[in-house]
Amino acid sequence: MSLLVLSYKIGWQISGGGYVTYGGFPLQMETLSALFTRTKVTLLIRPSVIPGGTQSIHGQNIEIFPLPEPRGSGFRRKLMLLVWLPRYLPQIWREIARADAVHATVPGDIGFIGLLLALLQR
């Protein structure tokens, strides 16, 4: 059974093709991935210097679904999503269709959009 995690979590790509983020998210994804045969995790990639204290994301059959981070914050980010969404909506739609289960983290704009799309696809 495959899981798609739709999250607003920020991450950074490291040399060698891996990804890092901060907080307890890497441990949560590792634990979730043990329950599924395939786990795909959305990570919003921030093109900046990697801050200290990040951890790599790994787990059993885990794959990162990288998307560029929408620009701005607050209301400006919501406006920028109107530009960002048409470009990445088809990719998100396809990934939801391929998954057996969808874990949409809300509150959060990407999770909420994913929740609506998953409900539309039933």
PDB file of N, CA and C in Angstrom:
ATOM      1  N   MET A   1       0.853  -1.177   0.000  1.00  0.00           N
ATOM      2  CA  MET A   1       0.000   0.000   0.000  1.00  0.00           C
ATOM      3  C   MET A   1       0.893   1.233   0.000  1.00  0.00           C
ATOM      4  N   SER A   2       0.531   2.222  -0.797  1.00  0.00           N
ATOM      5  CA  SER A   2       1.354   3.430  -0.910  1.00  0.00           C
ATOM      6  C   SER A   2       0.690   4.621  -0.226  1.00  0.00           C
ATOM      7  N   LEU A   3       1.532   5.477   0.336  1.00  0.00           N
ATOM      8  CA  LEU A   3       1.084   6.674   1.044  1.00  0.00           C
ATOM      9  C   LEU A   3       1.697   7.901   0.391  1.00  0.00           C
ATOM     10  N   LEU A   4       0.890   8.934   0.240  1.00  0.00           N
ATOM     11  CA  LEU A   4       1.382  10.242  -0.190  1.00  0.00           C
ATOM     12  C   LEU A   4       1.165  11.205   0.964  1.00  0.00           C
ATOM     13  N   VAL A   5       2.230  11.862   1.397  1.00  0.00           N
ATOM     14  CA  VAL A   5       2.158  12.867   2.456  1.00  0.00           C
ATOM     15  C   VAL A   5       2.239  14.231   1.788  1.00  0.00           C
ATOM     16  N   LEU A   6       1.182  15.021   1.937  1.00  0.00           N
ATOM     17  CA  LEU A   6       1.159  16.378   1.388  1.00  0.00           C
ATOM     18  C   LEU A   6       1.374  17.345   2.531  1.00  0.00           C
ATOM     19  N   SER A   7       2.528  17.968   2.529  1.00  0.00           N
ATOM     20  CA  SER A   7       2.941  18.800   3.649  1.00  0.00           C
ATOM     21  C   SER A   7       3.444  20.147   3.164  1.00  0.00           C
ATOM     22  N   TYR A   8       3.411  21.115   4.045  1.00  0.00           N
ATOM     23  CA  TYR A   8       3.974  22.438   3.761  1.00  0.00           C
ATOM     24  C   TYR A   8       5.389  22.554   4.316  1.00  0.00           C
ATOM     25  N   LYS A   9       5.983  21.431   4.712  1.00  0.00           N
ATOM     26  CA  LYS A   9       7.299  21.433   5.347  1.00  0.00           C
ATOM     27  C   LYS A   9       8.372  21.932   4.379  1.00  0.00           C
ATOM     28  N   ILE A  10       9.229  22.796   4.884  1.00  0.00           N
ATOM     29  CA  ILE A  10      10.334  23.351   4.101  1.00  0.00           C
ATOM     30  C   ILE A  10      11.536  22.420   4.212  1.00  0.00           C
ATOM     31  N   GLY A  11      12.234  22.253   3.101  1.00  0.00           N
ATOM     32  CA  GLY A  11      13.425  21.407   3.095  1.00  0.00           C
ATOM     33  C   GLY A  11      14.465  21.945   2.140  1.00  0.00           C
ATOM     34  N   TRP A  12      15.616  21.298   2.156  1.00  0.00           N
ATOM     35  CA  TRP A  12      16.736  21.678   1.308  1.00  0.00           C
ATOM     36  C   TRP A  12      17.318  20.430   0.688  1.00  0.00           C
ATOM     37  N   GLN A  13      17.711  20.529  -0.579  1.00  0.00           N
ATOM     38  CA  GLN A  13      18.372  19.404  -1.236  1.00  0.00           C
ATOM     39  C   GLN A  13      19.861  19.497  -0.944  1.00  0.00           C
ATOM     40  N   ILE A  14      20.449  18.355  -0.627  1.00  0.00           N
ATOM     41  CA  ILE A  14      21.883  18.321  -0.342  1.00  0.00           C
ATOM     42  C   ILE A  14      22.594  17.604  -1.482  1.00  0.00           C
ATOM     43  N   SER A  15      23.892  17.781  -1.536  1.00  0.00           N
ATOM     44  CA  SER A  15      24.658  17.115  -2.584  1.00  0.00           C
ATOM     45  C   SER A  15      24.504  15.605  -2.420  1.00  0.00           C
ATOM     46  N   GLY A  16      24.424  14.917  -3.512  1.00  0.00           N
ATOM     47  CA  GLY A  16      24.197  13.486  -3.480  1.00  0.00           C
ATOM     48  C   GLY A  16      22.739  13.121  -3.641  1.00  0.00           C
ATOM     49  N   GLY A  17      21.853  14.135  -3.737  1.00  0.00           N
ATOM     50  CA  GLY A  17      20.456  13.886  -4.015  1.00  0.00           C
ATOM     51  C   GLY A  17      19.556  13.698  -2.813  1.00  0.00           C
ATOM     52  N   GLY A  18      20.082  13.801  -1.605  1.00  0.00           N
ATOM     53  CA  GLY A  18      19.240  13.659  -0.423  1.00  0.00           C
ATOM     54  C   GLY A  18      18.561  14.967  -0.049  1.00  0.00           C
ATOM     55  N   TYR A  19      17.718  14.897   0.962  1.00  0.00           N
ATOM     56  CA  TYR A  19      16.986  16.065   1.427  1.00  0.00           C
ATOM     57  C   TYR A  19      17.056  16.146   2.943  1.00  0.00           C
ATOM     58  N   VAL A  20      17.071  17.378   3.443  1.00  0.00           N
ATOM     59  CA  VAL A  20      17.078  17.610   4.887  1.00  0.00           C
ATOM     60  C   VAL A  20      15.983  18.607   5.247  1.00  0.00           C
ATOM     61  N   THR A  21      15.543  18.531   6.494  1.00  0.00           N
ATOM     62  CA  THR A  21      14.601  19.490   7.046  1.00  0.00           C
ATOM     63  C   THR A  21      14.846  19.552   8.546  1.00  0.00           C
ATOM     64  N   TYR A  22      14.014  20.248   9.261  1.00  0.00           N
ATOM     65  CA  TYR A  22      14.240  20.455  10.688  1.00  0.00           C
ATOM     66  C   TYR A  22      13.046  19.948  11.502  1.00  0.00           C
ATOM     67  N   GLY A  23      13.215  19.930  12.803  1.00  0.00           N
ATOM     68  CA  GLY A  23      12.145  19.505  13.704  1.00  0.00           C
ATOM     69  C   GLY A  23      11.986  17.997  13.748  1.00  0.00           C
ATOM     70  N   GLY A  24      10.829  17.557  14.168  1.00  0.00           N
ATOM     71  CA  GLY A  24      10.541  16.138  14.295  1.00  0.00           C
ATOM     72  C   GLY A  24      10.031  15.489  13.034  1.00  0.00           C
ATOM     73  N   PHE A  25       9.902  16.260  11.965  1.00  0.00           N
ATOM     74  CA  PHE A  25       9.347  15.758  10.713  1.00  0.00           C
ATOM     75  C   PHE A  25      10.102  14.544  10.162  1.00  0.00           C
ATOM     76  N   PRO A  26      11.444  14.556  10.115  1.00  0.00           N
ATOM     77  CA  PRO A  26      12.145  13.372   9.590  1.00  0.00           C
ATOM     78  C   PRO A  26      11.812  12.095  10.367  1.00  0.00           C
ATOM     79  N   LEU A  27      11.727  12.186  11.680  1.00  0.00           N
ATOM     80  CA  LEU A  27      11.385  11.019  12.493  1.00  0.00           C
ATOM     81  C   LEU A  27       9.943  10.573  12.239  1.00  0.00           C
ATOM     82  N   GLN A  28       9.031  11.533  12.095  1.00  0.00           N
ATOM     83  CA  GLN A  28       7.639  11.200  11.792  1.00  0.00           C
ATOM     84  C   GLN A  28       7.532  10.459  10.455  1.00  0.00           C
ATOM     85  N   MET A  29       8.264  10.924   9.455  1.00  0.00           N
ATOM     86  CA  MET A  29       8.201  10.297   8.137  1.00  0.00           C
ATOM     87  C   MET A  29       8.832   8.910   8.168  1.00  0.00           C
ATOM     88  N   GLU A  30       9.909   8.759   8.913  1.00  0.00           N
ATOM     89  CA  GLU A  30      10.527   7.441   9.049  1.00  0.00           C
ATOM     90  C   GLU A  30       9.553   6.452   9.689  1.00  0.00           C
ATOM     91  N   THR A  31       8.847   6.892  10.716  1.00  0.00           N
ATOM     92  CA  THR A  31       7.874   6.034  11.395  1.00  0.00           C
ATOM     93  C   THR A  31       6.701   5.697  10.484  1.00  0.00           C
ATOM     94  N   LEU A  32       6.160   6.699   9.795  1.00  0.00           N
ATOM     95  CA  LEU A  32       5.049   6.450   8.867  1.00  0.00           C
ATOM     96  C   LEU A  32       5.455   5.503   7.740  1.00  0.00           C
ATOM     97  N   SER A  33       6.661   5.670   7.240  1.00  0.00           N
ATOM     98  CA  SER A  33       7.105   4.852   6.110  1.00  0.00           C
ATOM     99  C   SER A  33       7.201   3.376   6.466  1.00  0.00           C
ATOM    100  N   ALA A  34       7.353   3.059   7.750  1.00  0.00           N
ATOM    101  CA  ALA A  34       7.414   1.651   8.167  1.00  0.00           C
ATOM    102  C   ALA A  34       6.054   0.962   8.034  1.00  0.00           C
ATOM    103  N   LEU A  35       4.990   1.739   7.916  1.00  0.00           N
ATOM    104  CA  LEU A  35       3.641   1.177   7.828  1.00  0.00           C
ATOM    105  C   LEU A  35       3.184   0.923   6.394  1.00  0.00           C
ATOM    106  N   PHE A  36       3.937   1.436   5.404  1.00  0.00           N
ATOM    107  CA  PHE A  36       3.522   1.347   4.008  1.00  0.00           C
ATOM    108  C   PHE A  36       4.636   0.751   3.159  1.00  0.00           C
ATOM    109  N   THR A  37       4.256   0.174   2.028  1.00  0.00           N
ATOM    110  CA  THR A  37       5.264  -0.379   1.125  1.00  0.00           C
ATOM    111  C   THR A  37       5.985   0.713   0.348  1.00  0.00           C
ATOM    112  N   ARG A  38       5.312   1.857   0.185  1.00  0.00           N
ATOM    113  CA  ARG A  38       5.916   3.006  -0.514  1.00  0.00           C
ATOM    114  C   ARG A  38       5.357   4.275   0.108  1.00  0.00           C
ATOM    115  N   THR A  39       6.244   5.211   0.413  1.00  0.00           N
ATOM    116  CA  THR A  39       5.829   6.492   0.984  1.00  0.00           C
ATOM    117  C   THR A  39       6.467   7.609   0.176  1.00  0.00           C
ATOM    118  N   LYS A  40       5.634   8.515  -0.310  1.00  0.00           N
ATOM    119  CA  LYS A  40       6.115   9.680  -1.050  1.00  0.00           C
ATOM    120  C   LYS A  40       5.771  10.912  -0.237  1.00  0.00           C
ATOM    121  N   VAL A  41       6.759  11.758   0.012  1.00  0.00           N
ATOM    122  CA  VAL A  41       6.604  12.911   0.893  1.00  0.00           C
ATOM    123  C   VAL A  41       6.839  14.194   0.111  1.00  0.00           C
ATOM    124  N   THR A  42       5.847  15.089   0.149  1.00  0.00           N
ATOM    125  CA  THR A  42       6.003  16.404  -0.457  1.00  0.00           C
ATOM    126  C   THR A  42       6.903  17.250   0.430  1.00  0.00           C
ATOM    127  N   LEU A  43       7.874  17.881  -0.177  1.00  0.00           N
ATOM    128  CA  LEU A  43       8.782  18.762   0.542  1.00  0.00           C
ATOM    129  C   LEU A  43       8.947  20.027  -0.291  1.00  0.00           C
ATOM    130  N   LEU A  44       8.674  21.177   0.319  1.00  0.00           N
ATOM    131  CA  LEU A  44       8.825  22.449  -0.384  1.00  0.00           C
ATOM    132  C   LEU A  44      10.280  22.879  -0.276  1.00  0.00           C
ATOM    133  N   ILE A  45      10.952  22.921  -1.410  1.00  0.00           N
ATOM    134  CA  ILE A  45      12.386  23.176  -1.439  1.00  0.00           C
ATOM    135  C   ILE A  45      12.653  24.672  -1.415  1.00  0.00           C
ATOM    136  N   ARG A  46      13.470  25.071  -0.454  1.00  0.00           N
ATOM    137  CA  ARG A  46      13.862  26.472  -0.307  1.00  0.00           C
ATOM    138  C   ARG A  46      15.277  26.628  -0.856  1.00  0.00           C
ATOM    139  N   PRO A  47      15.451  27.512  -1.847  1.00  0.00           N
ATOM    140  CA  PRO A  47      16.777  27.705  -2.447  1.00  0.00           C
ATOM    141  C   PRO A  47      17.622  28.678  -1.617  1.00  0.00           C
ATOM    142  N   SER A  48      18.103  28.220  -0.494  1.00  0.00           N
ATOM    143  CA  SER A  48      18.938  29.064   0.355  1.00  0.00           C
ATOM    144  C   SER A  48      19.963  28.195   1.060  1.00  0.00           C
ATOM    145  N   VAL A  49      20.791  28.831   1.829  1.00  0.00           N
ATOM    146  CA  VAL A  49      21.792  28.111   2.605  1.00  0.00           C
ATOM    147  C   VAL A  49      21.077  27.236   3.629  1.00  0.00           C
ATOM    148  N   ILE A  50      21.555  26.017   3.781  1.00  0.00           N
ATOM    149  CA  ILE A  50      20.946  25.078   4.727  1.00  0.00           C
ATOM    150  C   ILE A  50      21.291  25.510   6.151  1.00  0.00           C
ATOM    151  N   PRO A  51      20.276  25.732   6.987  1.00  0.00           N
ATOM    152  CA  PRO A  51      20.558  26.149   8.360  1.00  0.00           C
ATOM    153  C   PRO A  51      21.078  24.979   9.199  1.00  0.00           C
ATOM    154  N   GLY A  52      21.663  25.293  10.327  1.00  0.00           N
ATOM    155  CA  GLY A  52      22.130  24.255  11.227  1.00  0.00           C
ATOM    156  C   GLY A  52      20.962  23.535  11.875  1.00  0.00           C
ATOM    157  N   GLY A  53      21.213  22.335  12.345  1.00  0.00           N
ATOM    158  CA  GLY A  53      20.190  21.579  13.055  1.00  0.00           C
ATOM    159  C   GLY A  53      19.237  20.801  12.184  1.00  0.00           C
ATOM    160  N   THR A  54      19.521  20.707  10.896  1.00  0.00           N
ATOM    161  CA  THR A  54      18.639  19.933  10.019  1.00  0.00           C
ATOM    162  C   THR A  54      19.003  18.451  10.100  1.00  0.00           C
ATOM    163  N   GLN A  55      18.048  17.617   9.716  1.00  0.00           N
ATOM    164  CA  GLN A  55      18.245  16.173   9.694  1.00  0.00           C
ATOM    165  C   GLN A  55      17.798  15.635   8.349  1.00  0.00           C
ATOM    166  N   SER A  56      18.431  14.553   7.924  1.00  0.00           N
ATOM    167  CA  SER A  56      18.040  13.959   6.647  1.00  0.00           C
ATOM    168  C   SER A  56      16.729  13.198   6.802  1.00  0.00           C
ATOM    169  N   ILE A  57      16.011  13.118   5.713  1.00  0.00           N
ATOM    170  CA  ILE A  57      14.752  12.386   5.676  1.00  0.00           C
ATOM    171  C   ILE A  57      15.053  11.024   5.065  1.00  0.00           C
ATOM    172  N   HIS A  58      14.760  10.007   5.811  1.00  0.00           N
ATOM    173  CA  HIS A  58      14.961   8.651   5.310  1.00  0.00           C
ATOM    174  C   HIS A  58      13.940   7.733   5.954  1.00  0.00           C
ATOM    175  N   GLY A  59      13.812   6.564   5.395  1.00  0.00           N
ATOM    176  CA  GLY A  59      12.868   5.589   5.915  1.00  0.00           C
ATOM    177  C   GLY A  59      12.759   4.425   4.958  1.00  0.00           C
ATOM    178  N   GLN A  60      11.814   3.546   5.229  1.00  0.00           N
ATOM    179  CA  GLN A  60      11.599   2.353   4.419  1.00  0.00           C
ATOM    180  C   GLN A  60      10.860   2.730   3.142  1.00  0.00           C
ATOM    181  N   ASN A  61      11.503   2.565   1.999  1.00  0.00           N
ATOM    182  CA  ASN A  61      10.896   2.871   0.695  1.00  0.00           C
ATOM    183  C   ASN A  61      10.290   4.261   0.661  1.00  0.00           C
ATOM    184  N   ILE A  62      11.041   5.235   1.129  1.00  0.00           N
ATOM    185  CA  ILE A  62      10.562   6.613   1.152  1.00  0.00           C
ATOM    186  C   ILE A  62      11.140   7.374  -0.036  1.00  0.00           C
ATOM    187  N   GLU A  63      10.310   8.199  -0.631  1.00  0.00           N
ATOM    188  CA  GLU A  63      10.720   9.013  -1.773  1.00  0.00           C
ATOM    189  C   GLU A  63      10.237  10.438  -1.524  1.00  0.00           C
ATOM    190  N   ILE A  64      11.069  11.389  -1.891  1.00  0.00           N
ATOM    191  CA  ILE A  64      10.705  12.796  -1.724  1.00  0.00           C
ATOM    192  C   ILE A  64      10.092  13.308  -3.021  1.00  0.00           C
ATOM    193  N   PHE A  65       9.003  14.029  -2.886  1.00  0.00           N
ATOM    194  CA  PHE A  65       8.315  14.682  -4.003  1.00  0.00           C
ATOM    195  C   PHE A  65       8.612  16.173  -3.851  1.00  0.00           C
ATOM    196  N   PRO A  66       9.742  16.637  -4.423  1.00  0.00           N
ATOM    197  CA  PRO A  66      10.143  18.030  -4.212  1.00  0.00           C
ATOM    198  C   PRO A  66       9.333  19.002  -5.065  1.00  0.00           C
ATOM    199  N   LEU A  67       8.931  20.085  -4.443  1.00  0.00           N
ATOM    200  CA  LEU A  67       8.259  21.178  -5.128  1.00  0.00           C
ATOM    201  C   LEU A  67       8.922  22.471  -4.678  1.00  0.00           C
ATOM    202  N   PRO A  68       9.061  23.443  -5.554  1.00  0.00           N
ATOM    203  CA  PRO A  68       9.641  24.714  -5.104  1.00  0.00           C
ATOM    204  C   PRO A  68       8.700  25.405  -4.123  1.00  0.00           C
ATOM    205  N   GLU A  69       9.267  26.023  -3.128  1.00  0.00           N
ATOM    206  CA  GLU A  69       8.470  26.728  -2.127  1.00  0.00           C
ATOM    207  C   GLU A  69       7.794  27.934  -2.757  1.00  0.00           C
ATOM    208  N   PRO A  70       6.477  28.088  -2.550  1.00  0.00           N
ATOM    209  CA  PRO A  70       5.828  29.317  -3.017  1.00  0.00           C
ATOM    210  C   PRO A  70       6.442  30.518  -2.304  1.00  0.00           C
ATOM    211  N   ARG A  71       6.608  31.588  -2.997  1.00  0.00           N
ATOM    212  CA  ARG A  71       7.246  32.780  -2.424  1.00  0.00           C
ATOM    213  C   ARG A  71       6.309  33.514  -1.477  1.00  0.00           C
ATOM    214  N   GLY A  72       6.911  34.334  -0.635  1.00  0.00           N
ATOM    215  CA  GLY A  72       6.153  35.203   0.245  1.00  0.00           C
ATOM    216  C   GLY A  72       5.745  34.535   1.543  1.00  0.00           C
ATOM    217  N   SER A  73       5.054  35.309   2.354  1.00  0.00           N
ATOM    218  CA  SER A  73       4.503  34.796   3.608  1.00  0.00           C
ATOM    219  C   SER A  73       3.179  35.498   3.864  1.00  0.00           C
ATOM    220  N   GLY A  74       2.355  34.860   4.679  1.00  0.00           N
ATOM    221  CA  GLY A  74       1.061  35.435   5.004  1.00  0.00           C
ATOM    222  C   GLY A  74       0.184  35.613   3.779  1.00  0.00           C
ATOM    223  N   PHE A  75      -0.440  36.779   3.691  1.00  0.00           N
ATOM    224  CA  PHE A  75      -1.358  37.062   2.594  1.00  0.00           C
ATOM    225  C   PHE A  75      -0.639  37.060   1.247  1.00  0.00           C
ATOM    226  N   ARG A  76       0.593  37.542   1.224  1.00  0.00           N
ATOM    227  CA  ARG A  76       1.362  37.560  -0.033  1.00  0.00           C
ATOM    228  C   ARG A  76       1.583  36.139  -0.555  1.00  0.00           C
ATOM    229  N   ARG A  77       1.825  35.186   0.359  1.00  0.00           N
ATOM    230  CA  ARG A  77       1.998  33.788  -0.059  1.00  0.00           C
ATOM    231  C   ARG A  77       0.703  33.256  -0.669  1.00  0.00           C
ATOM    232  N   LYS A  78      -0.419  33.585  -0.081  1.00  0.00           N
ATOM    233  CA  LYS A  78      -1.706  33.137  -0.627  1.00  0.00           C
ATOM    234  C   LYS A  78      -1.898  33.657  -2.052  1.00  0.00           C
ATOM    235  N   LEU A  79      -1.518  34.900  -2.281  1.00  0.00           N
ATOM    236  CA  LEU A  79      -1.606  35.451  -3.636  1.00  0.00           C
ATOM    237  C   LEU A  79      -0.646  34.743  -4.587  1.00  0.00           C
ATOM    238  N   MET A  80       0.560  34.458  -4.106  1.00  0.00           N
ATOM    239  CA  MET A  80       1.552  33.786  -4.949  1.00  0.00           C
ATOM    240  C   MET A  80       1.143  32.355  -5.280  1.00  0.00           C
ATOM    241  N   LEU A  81       0.327  31.757  -4.428  1.00  0.00           N
ATOM    242  CA  LEU A  81      -0.177  30.409  -4.727  1.00  0.00           C
ATOM    243  C   LEU A  81      -1.022  30.403  -5.995  1.00  0.00           C
ATOM    244  N   LEU A  82      -1.656  31.521  -6.306  1.00  0.00           N
ATOM    245  CA  LEU A  82      -2.449  31.609  -7.536  1.00  0.00           C
ATOM    246  C   LEU A  82      -1.570  31.478  -8.775  1.00  0.00           C
ATOM    247  N   VAL A  83      -0.319  31.877  -8.660  1.00  0.00           N
ATOM    248  CA  VAL A  83       0.640  31.733  -9.756  1.00  0.00           C
ATOM    249  C   VAL A  83       1.288  30.350  -9.697  1.00  0.00           C
ATOM    250  N   TRP A  84       1.602  29.877  -8.507  1.00  0.00           N
ATOM    251  CA  TRP A  84       2.298  28.614  -8.277  1.00  0.00           C
ATOM    252  C   TRP A  84       1.416  27.413  -8.619  1.00  0.00           C
ATOM    253  N   LEU A  85       0.164  27.474  -8.224  1.00  0.00           N
ATOM    254  CA  LEU A  85      -0.728  26.322  -8.321  1.00  0.00           C
ATOM    255  C   LEU A  85      -0.958  25.800  -9.737  1.00  0.00           C
ATOM    256  N   PRO A  86      -1.228  26.633 -10.734  1.00  0.00           N
ATOM    257  CA  PRO A  86      -1.458  26.079 -12.078  1.00  0.00           C
ATOM    258  C   PRO A  86      -0.268  25.278 -12.614  1.00  0.00           C
ATOM    259  N   ARG A  87       0.912  25.662 -12.204  1.00  0.00           N
ATOM    260  CA  ARG A  87       2.106  24.945 -12.685  1.00  0.00           C
ATOM    261  C   ARG A  87       2.269  23.578 -12.021  1.00  0.00           C
ATOM    262  N   TYR A  88       1.967  23.467 -10.730  1.00  0.00           N
ATOM    263  CA  TYR A  88       2.236  22.243  -9.983  1.00  0.00           C
ATOM    264  C   TYR A  88       1.001  21.403  -9.671  1.00  0.00           C
ATOM    265  N   LEU A  89      -0.176  21.934  -9.924  1.00  0.00           N
ATOM    266  CA  LEU A  89      -1.405  21.186  -9.669  1.00  0.00           C
ATOM    267  C   LEU A  89      -1.464  19.866 -10.441  1.00  0.00           C
ATOM    268  N   PRO A  90      -1.086  19.818 -11.724  1.00  0.00           N
ATOM    269  CA  PRO A  90      -1.132  18.525 -12.425  1.00  0.00           C
ATOM    270  C   PRO A  90      -0.230  17.460 -11.787  1.00  0.00           C
ATOM    271  N   GLN A  91       0.937  17.859 -11.303  1.00  0.00           N
ATOM    272  CA  GLN A  91       1.837  16.895 -10.648  1.00  0.00           C
ATOM    273  C   GLN A  91       1.227  16.385  -9.350  1.00  0.00           C
ATOM    274  N   ILE A  92       0.663  17.286  -8.564  1.00  0.00           N
ATOM    275  CA  ILE A  92       0.034  16.897  -7.302  1.00  0.00           C
ATOM    276  C   ILE A  92      -1.154  15.981  -7.582  1.00  0.00           C
ATOM    277  N   TRP A  93      -1.949  16.321  -8.581  1.00  0.00           N
ATOM    278  CA  TRP A  93      -3.114  15.516  -8.964  1.00  0.00           C
ATOM    279  C   TRP A  93      -2.688  14.087  -9.309  1.00  0.00           C
ATOM    280  N   ARG A  94      -1.626  13.954 -10.130  1.00  0.00           N
ATOM    281  CA  ARG A  94      -1.136  12.624 -10.527  1.00  0.00           C
ATOM    282  C   ARG A  94      -0.655  11.817  -9.333  1.00  0.00           C
ATOM    283  N   GLU A  95       0.077  12.479  -8.433  1.00  0.00           N
ATOM    284  CA  GLU A  95       0.592  11.761  -7.261  1.00  0.00           C
ATOM    285  C   GLU A  95      -0.539  11.287  -6.356  1.00  0.00           C
ATOM    286  N   ILE A  96      -1.569  12.089  -6.213  1.00  0.00           N
ATOM    287  CA  ILE A  96      -2.734  11.670  -5.418  1.00  0.00           C
ATOM    288  C   ILE A  96      -3.406  10.476  -6.081  1.00  0.00           C
ATOM    289  N   ALA A  97      -3.545  10.501  -7.391  1.00  0.00           N
ATOM    290  CA  ALA A  97      -4.188   9.400  -8.114  1.00  0.00           C
ATOM    291  C   ALA A  97      -3.404   8.101  -7.968  1.00  0.00           C
ATOM    292  N   ARG A  98      -2.091   8.165  -7.865  1.00  0.00           N
ATOM    293  CA  ARG A  98      -1.250   6.965  -7.732  1.00  0.00           C
ATOM    294  C   ARG A  98      -1.254   6.384  -6.323  1.00  0.00           C
ATOM    295  N   ALA A  99      -1.585   7.192  -5.346  1.00  0.00           N
ATOM    296  CA  ALA A  99      -1.486   6.766  -3.946  1.00  0.00           C
ATOM    297  C   ALA A  99      -2.723   5.989  -3.505  1.00  0.00           C
ATOM    298  N   ASP A 100      -2.498   5.049  -2.594  1.00  0.00           N
ATOM    299  CA  ASP A 100      -3.610   4.336  -1.971  1.00  0.00           C
ATOM    300  C   ASP A 100      -4.183   5.124  -0.801  1.00  0.00           C
ATOM    301  N   ALA A 101      -3.339   5.913  -0.145  1.00  0.00           N
ATOM    302  CA  ALA A 101      -3.760   6.737   0.991  1.00  0.00           C
ATOM    303  C   ALA A 101      -3.054   8.084   0.898  1.00  0.00           C
ATOM    304  N   VAL A 102      -3.744   9.123   1.365  1.00  0.00           N
ATOM    305  CA  VAL A 102      -3.187  10.476   1.353  1.00  0.00           C
ATOM    306  C   VAL A 102      -3.233  11.026   2.773  1.00  0.00           C
ATOM    307  N   HIS A 103      -2.089  11.503   3.235  1.00  0.00           N
ATOM    308  CA  HIS A 103      -2.000  12.159   4.539  1.00  0.00           C
ATOM    309  C   HIS A 103      -1.754  13.642   4.252  1.00  0.00           C
ATOM    310  N   ALA A 104      -2.789  14.442   4.412  1.00  0.00           N
ATOM    311  CA  ALA A 104      -2.701  15.877   4.136  1.00  0.00           C
ATOM    312  C   ALA A 104      -2.581  16.614   5.460  1.00  0.00           C
ATOM    313  N   THR A 105      -1.451  17.259   5.673  1.00  0.00           N
ATOM    314  CA  THR A 105      -1.241  17.963   6.935  1.00  0.00           C
ATOM    315  C   THR A 105      -1.892  19.338   6.867  1.00  0.00           C
ATOM    316  N   VAL A 106      -2.876  19.539   7.744  1.00  0.00           N
ATOM    317  CA  VAL A 106      -3.560  20.814   7.848  1.00  0.00           C
ATOM    318  C   VAL A 106      -3.508  21.262   9.299  1.00  0.00           C
ATOM    319  N   PRO A 107      -3.437  22.532   9.616  1.00  0.00           N
ATOM    320  CA  PRO A 107      -3.524  23.624   8.657  1.00  0.00           C
ATOM    321  C   PRO A 107      -2.231  23.767   7.862  1.00  0.00           C
ATOM    322  N   GLY A 108      -2.375  24.234   6.698  1.00  0.00           N
ATOM    323  CA  GLY A 108      -1.272  24.455   5.777  1.00  0.00           C
ATOM    324  C   GLY A 108      -1.840  24.506   4.372  1.00  0.00           C
ATOM    325  N   ASP A 109      -1.336  25.410   3.559  1.00  0.00           N
ATOM    326  CA  ASP A 109      -1.926  25.606   2.237  1.00  0.00           C
ATOM    327  C   ASP A 109      -1.780  24.387   1.328  1.00  0.00           C
ATOM    328  N   ILE A 110      -0.609  23.762   1.291  1.00  0.00           N
ATOM    329  CA  ILE A 110      -0.405  22.616   0.413  1.00  0.00           C
ATOM    330  C   ILE A 110      -1.239  21.425   0.893  1.00  0.00           C
ATOM    331  N   GLY A 111      -1.268  21.195   2.193  1.00  0.00           N
ATOM    332  CA  GLY A 111      -2.086  20.119   2.744  1.00  0.00           C
ATOM    333  C   GLY A 111      -3.560  20.317   2.479  1.00  0.00           C
ATOM    334  N   PHE A 112      -4.026  21.548   2.620  1.00  0.00           N
ATOM    335  CA  PHE A 112      -5.441  21.839   2.382  1.00  0.00           C
ATOM    336  C   PHE A 112      -5.802  21.636   0.908  1.00  0.00           C
ATOM    337  N   ILE A 113      -4.942  22.100   0.022  1.00  0.00           N
ATOM    338  CA  ILE A 113      -5.171  21.886  -1.413  1.00  0.00           C
ATOM    339  C   ILE A 113      -5.189  20.389  -1.708  1.00  0.00           C
ATOM    340  N   GLY A 114      -4.232  19.658  -1.125  1.00  0.00           N
ATOM    341  CA  GLY A 114      -4.182  18.214  -1.314  1.00  0.00           C
ATOM    342  C   GLY A 114      -5.409  17.511  -0.773  1.00  0.00           C
ATOM    343  N   LEU A 115      -5.904  17.970   0.362  1.00  0.00           N
ATOM    344  CA  LEU A 115      -7.117  17.397   0.948  1.00  0.00           C
ATOM    345  C   LEU A 115      -8.299  17.559  -0.005  1.00  0.00           C
ATOM    346  N   LEU A 116      -8.448  18.751  -0.574  1.00  0.00           N
ATOM    347  CA  LEU A 116      -9.545  18.997  -1.518  1.00  0.00           C
ATOM    348  C   LEU A 116      -9.403  18.121  -2.769  1.00  0.00           C
ATOM    349  N   LEU A 117      -8.175  18.021  -3.275  1.00  0.00           N
ATOM    350  CA  LEU A 117      -7.952  17.203  -4.480  1.00  0.00           C
ATOM    351  C   LEU A 117      -8.208  15.721  -4.195  1.00  0.00           C
ATOM    352  N   ALA A 118      -7.789  15.251  -3.032  1.00  0.00           N
ATOM    353  CA  ALA A 118      -8.010  13.847  -2.676  1.00  0.00           C
ATOM    354  C   ALA A 118      -9.510  13.561  -2.549  1.00  0.00           C
ATOM    355  N   LEU A 119     -10.249  14.501  -1.965  1.00  0.00           N
ATOM    356  CA  LEU A 119     -11.694  14.319  -1.856  1.00  0.00           C
ATOM    357  C   LEU A 119     -12.352  14.301  -3.239  1.00  0.00           C
ATOM    358  N   LEU A 120     -11.868  15.136  -4.145  1.00  0.00           N
ATOM    359  CA  LEU A 120     -12.410  15.138  -5.506  1.00  0.00           C
ATOM    360  C   LEU A 120     -12.149  13.802  -6.214  1.00  0.00           C
ATOM    361  N   GLN A 121     -10.994  13.208  -5.933  1.00  0.00           N
ATOM    362  CA  GLN A 121     -10.632  11.935  -6.590  1.00  0.00           C
ATOM    363  C   GLN A 121     -11.199  10.716  -5.859  1.00  0.00           C
ATOM    364  N   ARG A 122     -11.725  10.945  -4.671  1.00  0.00           N
ATOM    365  CA  ARG A 122     -12.272   9.881  -3.831  1.00  0.00           C
ATOM    366  C   ARG A 122     -11.266   8.805  -3.584  1.00  0.00           C
TER     367      ARG A 122
END
